[in-house]
Amino acid sequence: MSKIEVGEIFTISDENDDEQEVEVLGVMTVEGTDYVAVGFAEDIKQETDDDIDIFFLKVDADGDFSAIESDEEFDKVSAAFDEMMDEEE
């Protein structure tokens, strides 16, 4: 897998096959699995004071993204992202 960098923009398809551009906000490894935190590129470009929606995707060995399957997995990844953001401040 090539290294995913913060700031990279990818196009993903949702469950309706609508394509959305997302920007990588963070990359983390939790319990041996790689994840990315992403936000919609259009929301990030607007630079408003509004909070942007952040969501997490699992990265497989081929560099493909997939949804997080369980609340427990989401909670672990979300906590790791929060900790990473706190360290950067």
C-alpha atoms as a PDB file:
ATOM      1  CA  MET A   1       0.000   0.000   0.000  1.00  0.00           C
ATOM      2  CA  SER A   2       1.302   3.450  -0.803  1.00  0.00           C
ATOM      3  CA  LYS A   3       1.384   5.827   2.122  1.00  0.00           C
ATOM      4  CA  ILE A   4      -1.718   7.961   2.471  1.00  0.00           C
ATOM      5  CA  GLU A   5      -0.927  11.558   3.388  1.00  0.00           C
ATOM      6  CA  VAL A   6      -2.971  14.176   5.217  1.00  0.00           C
ATOM      7  CA  GLY A   7      -4.381  16.586   2.651  1.00  0.00           C
ATOM      8  CA  GLU A   8      -4.825  14.019  -0.121  1.00  0.00           C
ATOM      9  CA  ILE A   9      -8.172  14.141  -1.895  1.00  0.00           C
ATOM     10  CA  PHE A  10      -9.982  11.003  -3.007  1.00  0.00           C
ATOM     11  CA  THR A  11     -13.262  10.346  -4.743  1.00  0.00           C
ATOM     12  CA  ILE A  12     -15.470   7.780  -3.054  1.00  0.00           C
ATOM     13  CA  SER A  13     -18.903   6.427  -3.931  1.00  0.00           C
ATOM     14  CA  ASP A  14     -21.698   6.253  -1.396  1.00  0.00           C
ATOM     15  CA  GLU A  15     -24.381   3.573  -1.162  1.00  0.00           C
ATOM     16  CA  ASN A  16     -26.291   5.290  -4.010  1.00  0.00           C
ATOM     17  CA  ASP A  17     -23.160   5.345  -6.228  1.00  0.00           C
ATOM     18  CA  ASP A  18     -22.992   9.135  -5.934  1.00  0.00           C
ATOM     19  CA  GLU A  19     -19.378  10.269  -6.020  1.00  0.00           C
ATOM     20  CA  GLN A  20     -18.025  12.612  -3.350  1.00  0.00           C
ATOM     21  CA  GLU A  21     -14.578  14.120  -2.958  1.00  0.00           C
ATOM     22  CA  VAL A  22     -13.115  13.649   0.506  1.00  0.00           C
ATOM     23  CA  GLU A  23      -9.926  15.063   1.990  1.00  0.00           C
ATOM     24  CA  VAL A  24      -7.758  13.098   4.395  1.00  0.00           C
ATOM     25  CA  LEU A  25      -7.625  14.847   7.782  1.00  0.00           C
ATOM     26  CA  GLY A  26      -5.709  12.192   9.661  1.00  0.00           C
ATOM     27  CA  VAL A  27      -4.129   8.771   9.293  1.00  0.00           C
ATOM     28  CA  MET A  28      -3.886   6.363  12.208  1.00  0.00           C
ATOM     29  CA  THR A  29      -3.260   2.715  13.033  1.00  0.00           C
ATOM     30  CA  VAL A  30      -5.439   1.103  15.683  1.00  0.00           C
ATOM     31  CA  GLU A  31      -4.731  -2.466  16.779  1.00  0.00           C
ATOM     32  CA  GLY A  32      -2.748  -3.151  13.607  1.00  0.00           C
ATOM     33  CA  THR A  33      -5.366  -1.803  11.179  1.00  0.00           C
ATOM     34  CA  ASP A  34      -4.939   1.428   9.221  1.00  0.00           C
ATOM     35  CA  TYR A  35      -7.706   4.033   9.165  1.00  0.00           C
ATOM     36  CA  VAL A  36      -8.182   7.484   7.672  1.00  0.00           C
ATOM     37  CA  ALA A  37     -10.269  10.345   9.013  1.00  0.00           C
ATOM     38  CA  VAL A  38     -11.850  12.221   6.125  1.00  0.00           C
ATOM     39  CA  GLY A  39     -14.166  15.155   5.554  1.00  0.00           C
ATOM     40  CA  PHE A  40     -15.975  16.299   2.446  1.00  0.00           C
ATOM     41  CA  ALA A  41     -13.517  18.384   0.426  1.00  0.00           C
ATOM     42  CA  GLU A  42     -16.155  21.017  -0.373  1.00  0.00           C
ATOM     43  CA  ASP A  43     -16.908  21.541   3.348  1.00  0.00           C
ATOM     44  CA  ILE A  44     -13.205  21.876   4.175  1.00  0.00           C
ATOM     45  CA  LYS A  45     -12.604  24.441   1.395  1.00  0.00           C
ATOM     46  CA  GLN A  46     -15.353  26.732   2.725  1.00  0.00           C
ATOM     47  CA  GLU A  47     -13.352  27.584   5.881  1.00  0.00           C
ATOM     48  CA  THR A  48     -16.349  28.526   7.979  1.00  0.00           C
ATOM     49  CA  ASP A  49     -16.642  28.378  11.747  1.00  0.00           C
ATOM     50  CA  ASP A  50     -19.149  25.539  11.364  1.00  0.00           C
ATOM     51  CA  ASP A  51     -18.007  22.097  12.404  1.00  0.00           C
ATOM     52  CA  ILE A  52     -17.315  19.799   9.482  1.00  0.00           C
ATOM     53  CA  ASP A  53     -18.493  16.215   9.361  1.00  0.00           C
ATOM     54  CA  ILE A  54     -15.617  13.812   9.899  1.00  0.00           C
ATOM     55  CA  PHE A  55     -15.918  10.140   9.238  1.00  0.00           C
ATOM     56  CA  PHE A  56     -13.539   7.205   9.362  1.00  0.00           C
ATOM     57  CA  LEU A  57     -12.689   4.594   6.763  1.00  0.00           C
ATOM     58  CA  LYS A  58     -10.723   1.375   7.154  1.00  0.00           C
ATOM     59  CA  VAL A  59      -7.805   0.942   4.739  1.00  0.00           C
ATOM     60  CA  ASP A  60      -7.113  -2.590   3.553  1.00  0.00           C
ATOM     61  CA  ALA A  61      -3.781  -4.039   2.390  1.00  0.00           C
ATOM     62  CA  ASP A  62      -4.532  -2.978  -1.211  1.00  0.00           C
ATOM     63  CA  GLY A  63      -5.180   0.622  -0.165  1.00  0.00           C
ATOM     64  CA  ASP A  64      -8.927   0.330  -0.689  1.00  0.00           C
ATOM     65  CA  PHE A  65     -11.354   1.985   1.719  1.00  0.00           C
ATOM     66  CA  SER A  66     -14.236   0.282   3.478  1.00  0.00           C
ATOM     67  CA  ALA A  67     -16.770   1.290   6.078  1.00  0.00           C
ATOM     68  CA  ILE A  68     -16.277   0.590   9.767  1.00  0.00           C
ATOM     69  CA  GLU A  69     -18.611  -2.240  10.675  1.00  0.00           C
ATOM     70  CA  SER A  70     -19.250  -1.922  14.410  1.00  0.00           C
ATOM     71  CA  ASP A  71     -19.869   0.758  17.015  1.00  0.00           C
ATOM     72  CA  GLU A  72     -17.008  -0.680  19.090  1.00  0.00           C
ATOM     73  CA  GLU A  73     -14.559  -0.324  16.187  1.00  0.00           C
ATOM     74  CA  PHE A  74     -15.824   3.207  15.488  1.00  0.00           C
ATOM     75  CA  ASP A  75     -15.390   4.204  19.142  1.00  0.00           C
ATOM     76  CA  LYS A  76     -11.761   2.967  19.170  1.00  0.00           C
ATOM     77  CA  VAL A  77     -10.879   4.811  15.972  1.00  0.00           C
ATOM     78  CA  SER A  78     -12.678   7.975  17.053  1.00  0.00           C
ATOM     79  CA  ALA A  79     -10.817   7.982  20.388  1.00  0.00           C
ATOM     80  CA  ALA A  80      -7.479   7.486  18.598  1.00  0.00           C
ATOM     81  CA  PHE A  81      -8.261  10.400  16.265  1.00  0.00           C
ATOM     82  CA  ASP A  82      -9.251  12.665  19.174  1.00  0.00           C
ATOM     83  CA  GLU A  83      -6.010  11.774  20.972  1.00  0.00           C
ATOM     84  CA  MET A  84      -3.994  12.488  17.822  1.00  0.00           C
ATOM     85  CA  MET A  85      -5.681  15.908  17.427  1.00  0.00           C
ATOM     86  CA  ASP A  86      -5.063  16.767  21.103  1.00  0.00           C
ATOM     87  CA  GLU A  87      -1.347  16.009  20.648  1.00  0.00           C
ATOM     88  CA  GLU A  88      -1.134  18.373  17.659  1.00  0.00           C
ATOM     89  CA  GLU A  89      -2.618  21.349  19.539  1.00  0.00           C
END
